[in-house]
Amino acid sequence: MESPTKKLELITRYFADFTPKQLMQLESLDAAYQEWNAKINVISRKDIHEIYLHHVLHSLSIAAIVEWEKGTQVIDIGCGGGFPSVPLAIFFPDVKFYLVDSIAKKLKVVDAVCEIAGIKNIETHHSRVEDIKNKKFDYAVSRAVAPLKDLWRWANPILQKKPTQNSGLICLKGGDLHQEIFESGVRPKMMPIYDIFPEAYFKEKFIIQVKK
């Protein structure tokens, strides 16, 4: 089996500017998720050995298209085991990530992984996104959680416009999305991830952006 350092070559092939601390954090994700996934299953068994391609690099496709300022507030809707926000929090250490999920045991995994990796800019909340009141965010992110119409219905009320950033919803989705986009009633920007990372795994996978 490849060592974590060897697996990181996939990440550093596309991102050259990580600090030694960030590389250590990324490297620690492999063992952290292996350990915790054995206790609480948040990543499918067939995917756990492809964590850097299927989960870390997939999440970092968002980092390839955004430039988030220091202090930006990002909510992860239905964060599950922490993707896309755990890799994004490593990439953007000065951005605040607020991870929401209705299943407490998934957040337990996220908290444990953050402790192992030394990630300080993630806050987890056991809640449904619809129940969040009196709090606003610059961006919402999500990966394969719900149809776009639901994601936008949940995200829109808690997003604030910022003059210096294109605030809005950014989600990772796959497959034929024409019907889903039609039913959403929004006109998103759609970018093939394969255009960013030409790896076979990313064919038919997309970044969907809806501006506030």
Protein backbone atom coordinates (compact mmCIF):
# COMPACT_ATOMS: atom_id res chain seq x y z
CA MET A 1 0.00 0.00 0.00
CA GLU A 2 1.24 3.51 -0.80
CA SER A 3 2.54 5.64 2.05
CA PRO A 4 0.60 8.84 2.81
CA THR A 5 3.56 10.89 1.52
CA LYS A 6 3.42 9.02 -1.78
CA LYS A 7 -0.33 9.58 -1.99
CA LEU A 8 0.18 13.31 -1.39
CA GLU A 9 1.98 13.50 -4.73
CA LEU A 10 -1.49 13.50 -6.28
CA ILE A 11 -2.32 16.69 -4.35
CA THR A 12 1.03 18.42 -4.86
CA ARG A 13 0.82 17.71 -8.58
CA TYR A 14 -1.93 20.35 -8.73
CA PHE A 15 -1.11 22.57 -5.73
CA ALA A 16 2.48 23.71 -5.25
CA ASP A 17 2.17 26.27 -2.46
CA PHE A 18 1.39 24.25 0.66
CA THR A 19 3.43 25.06 3.76
CA PRO A 20 5.16 22.21 5.62
CA LYS A 21 2.41 22.45 8.27
CA GLN A 22 -0.33 22.09 5.65
CA LEU A 23 1.43 19.10 4.09
CA MET A 24 1.66 17.47 7.53
CA GLN A 25 -2.06 18.11 8.09
CA LEU A 26 -2.98 16.64 4.71
CA GLU A 27 -0.75 13.63 5.32
CA SER A 28 -2.38 12.99 8.72
CA LEU A 29 -5.86 12.71 7.13
CA ASP A 30 -5.13 9.23 5.79
CA ALA A 31 -4.48 7.56 9.16
CA ALA A 32 -7.11 9.70 10.94
CA TYR A 33 -9.91 8.67 8.60
CA GLN A 34 -8.74 5.05 8.49
CA GLU A 35 -8.88 4.91 12.30
CA TRP A 36 -12.22 6.64 12.73
CA ASN A 37 -13.94 5.11 9.73
CA ALA A 38 -13.38 1.70 11.31
CA LYS A 39 -15.42 2.91 14.32
CA ILE A 40 -18.03 5.09 12.61
CA ASN A 41 -18.53 4.50 8.91
CA VAL A 42 -18.56 7.86 7.11
CA ILE A 43 -16.62 6.82 3.99
CA SER A 44 -17.54 3.73 1.98
CA ARG A 45 -15.14 0.80 2.42
CA LYS A 46 -14.22 0.84 -1.28
CA ASP A 47 -13.36 4.55 -1.12
CA ILE A 48 -11.30 4.70 2.06
CA HIS A 49 -8.11 3.61 0.28
CA GLU A 50 -8.62 6.32 -2.35
CA ILE A 51 -9.10 9.11 0.14
CA TYR A 52 -6.75 11.56 -1.56
CA LEU A 53 -8.33 11.21 -5.02
CA HIS A 54 -11.98 10.59 -4.16
CA HIS A 55 -12.26 12.93 -1.18
CA VAL A 56 -9.34 15.32 -0.63
CA LEU A 57 -8.61 16.34 -4.23
CA HIS A 58 -12.33 16.32 -5.04
CA SER A 59 -12.90 18.78 -2.17
CA LEU A 60 -9.96 20.94 -3.23
CA SER A 61 -11.50 21.49 -6.66
CA ILE A 62 -13.34 24.33 -4.89
CA ALA A 63 -10.01 25.83 -3.81
CA ALA A 64 -8.93 25.83 -7.45
CA ILE A 65 -11.71 28.25 -8.42
CA VAL A 66 -12.14 30.55 -5.39
CA GLU A 67 -9.96 33.04 -3.54
CA TRP A 68 -11.42 33.41 -0.07
CA GLU A 69 -10.28 36.36 2.01
CA LYS A 70 -9.15 36.09 5.61
CA GLY A 71 -12.20 36.00 7.85
CA THR A 72 -14.58 34.58 5.24
CA GLN A 73 -17.39 32.55 6.85
CA VAL A 74 -18.32 29.27 5.12
CA ILE A 75 -21.12 26.88 6.08
CA ASP A 76 -20.92 23.23 5.00
CA ILE A 77 -24.47 21.91 4.59
CA GLY A 78 -24.75 18.23 5.55
CA CYS A 79 -21.00 17.88 6.07
CA GLY A 80 -21.02 14.13 6.72
CA GLY A 81 -17.46 13.04 7.50
CA GLY A 82 -16.07 16.49 6.72
CA PHE A 83 -15.88 16.83 2.96
CA PRO A 84 -15.39 19.26 1.33
CA SER A 85 -14.61 21.39 4.39
CA VAL A 86 -11.76 19.50 6.11
CA PRO A 87 -9.39 19.78 3.10
CA LEU A 88 -10.62 23.33 2.44
CA ALA A 89 -9.94 24.33 6.05
CA ILE A 90 -6.35 23.13 5.64
CA PHE A 91 -6.04 25.05 2.37
CA PHE A 92 -7.61 28.24 3.82
CA PRO A 93 -6.40 28.42 7.46
CA ASP A 94 -7.71 32.00 7.85
CA VAL A 95 -11.24 31.12 6.76
CA LYS A 96 -13.85 30.04 9.33
CA PHE A 97 -15.79 26.84 8.53
CA TYR A 98 -19.09 26.05 10.23
CA LEU A 99 -20.03 22.39 9.64
CA VAL A 100 -23.65 21.33 10.09
CA ASP A 101 -25.08 17.83 10.07
CA SER A 102 -28.19 16.26 11.59
CA ILE A 103 -26.28 13.05 12.45
CA ALA A 104 -24.17 13.57 15.58
CA LYS A 105 -21.83 10.60 15.09
CA LYS A 106 -20.57 12.04 11.80
CA LEU A 107 -19.60 15.25 13.60
CA LYS A 108 -17.76 13.15 16.18
CA VAL A 109 -15.54 11.89 13.34
CA VAL A 110 -14.97 15.44 12.06
CA ASP A 111 -14.02 16.67 15.55
CA ALA A 112 -11.60 13.77 16.02
CA VAL A 113 -9.97 14.25 12.61
CA CYS A 114 -9.58 18.00 13.28
CA GLU A 115 -7.88 17.25 16.59
CA ILE A 116 -5.50 14.74 15.01
CA ALA A 117 -4.68 17.05 12.08
CA GLY A 118 -4.46 20.22 14.18
CA ILE A 119 -7.23 21.98 12.29
CA LYS A 120 -8.39 24.98 14.35
CA ASN A 121 -10.74 26.80 11.96
CA ILE A 122 -13.63 24.31 11.93
CA GLU A 123 -16.65 24.48 14.22
CA THR A 124 -19.21 21.64 14.15
CA HIS A 125 -22.91 21.95 14.94
CA HIS A 126 -25.43 19.15 15.39
CA SER A 127 -28.37 20.79 13.64
CA ARG A 128 -30.47 20.92 10.53
CA VAL A 129 -29.48 23.81 8.33
CA GLU A 130 -33.12 24.97 8.26
CA ASP A 131 -32.92 25.55 12.03
CA ILE A 132 -30.01 28.00 11.87
CA LYS A 133 -31.24 31.46 12.83
CA ASN A 134 -29.53 34.80 13.43
CA LYS A 135 -26.32 33.76 11.68
CA LYS A 136 -25.11 34.70 8.20
CA PHE A 137 -22.38 33.27 5.98
CA ASP A 138 -20.44 34.42 2.93
CA TYR A 139 -20.56 31.01 1.23
CA ALA A 140 -22.31 27.68 1.55
CA VAL A 141 -20.61 24.49 0.33
CA SER A 142 -21.98 20.99 -0.03
CA ARG A 143 -21.09 17.66 -1.57
CA ALA A 144 -23.71 15.20 -2.83
CA VAL A 145 -26.22 15.97 -0.07
CA ALA A 146 -29.51 17.02 -1.67
CA PRO A 147 -31.03 18.30 -4.92
CA LEU A 148 -29.92 21.79 -5.95
CA LYS A 149 -33.39 23.27 -5.36
CA ASP A 150 -33.24 22.16 -1.70
CA LEU A 151 -29.66 23.29 -1.22
CA TRP A 152 -30.51 26.75 -2.55
CA ARG A 153 -33.70 26.94 -0.47
CA TRP A 154 -31.64 26.20 2.65
CA ALA A 155 -28.60 28.33 1.74
CA ASN A 156 -30.20 31.48 0.35
CA PRO A 157 -31.67 32.80 3.64
CA ILE A 158 -28.38 32.45 5.53
CA LEU A 159 -26.08 33.89 2.86
CA GLN A 160 -24.98 37.51 2.94
CA LYS A 161 -23.67 39.50 0.01
CA LYS A 162 -20.15 40.84 0.28
CA PRO A 163 -19.01 43.60 -2.07
CA THR A 164 -15.53 42.11 -2.43
CA GLN A 165 -16.58 38.48 -3.04
CA ASN A 166 -19.00 36.55 -5.22
CA SER A 167 -20.92 35.12 -2.30
CA GLY A 168 -23.20 32.15 -2.87
CA LEU A 169 -23.59 28.38 -2.91
CA ILE A 170 -20.84 26.08 -4.23
CA CYS A 171 -21.67 22.39 -4.46
CA LEU A 172 -20.00 19.28 -5.83
CA LYS A 173 -22.26 17.03 -7.88
CA GLY A 174 -22.02 14.28 -10.48
CA GLY A 175 -23.89 12.76 -13.39
CA ASP A 176 -26.54 14.27 -15.67
CA LEU A 177 -27.71 17.38 -13.83
CA HIS A 178 -29.97 18.97 -16.49
CA GLN A 179 -33.27 18.00 -14.85
CA GLU A 180 -32.03 18.87 -11.36
CA ILE A 181 -30.88 22.30 -12.51
CA PHE A 182 -34.16 22.90 -14.37
CA GLU A 183 -36.18 22.01 -11.27
CA SER A 184 -34.05 24.26 -9.06
CA GLY A 185 -35.25 27.44 -10.76
CA VAL A 186 -31.73 28.93 -10.57
CA ARG A 187 -29.18 29.50 -13.30
CA PRO A 188 -25.90 28.19 -11.88
CA LYS A 189 -22.43 28.26 -13.32
CA MET A 190 -21.32 24.69 -14.00
CA MET A 191 -17.67 23.68 -14.30
CA PRO A 192 -16.38 20.18 -15.13
CA ILE A 193 -13.85 19.12 -12.49
CA TYR A 194 -12.05 17.11 -15.17
CA ASP A 195 -11.05 20.46 -16.73
CA ILE A 196 -9.26 21.33 -13.47
CA PHE A 197 -7.89 17.89 -12.56
CA PRO A 198 -7.68 15.63 -15.66
CA GLU A 199 -8.07 12.39 -13.68
CA ALA A 200 -10.48 9.74 -14.99
CA TYR A 201 -12.35 9.74 -11.66
CA PHE A 202 -13.55 13.30 -12.26
CA LYS A 203 -15.27 12.70 -15.57
CA GLU A 204 -18.99 13.45 -15.06
CA LYS A 205 -18.25 15.43 -11.86
CA PHE A 206 -18.97 19.14 -11.62
CA ILE A 207 -18.69 22.26 -9.47
CA ILE A 208 -22.03 24.08 -9.38
CA GLN A 209 -22.04 27.74 -8.35
CA VAL A 210 -25.11 29.83 -7.55
CA LYS A 211 -24.42 33.51 -6.80
CA LYS A 212 -26.30 35.27 -4.02
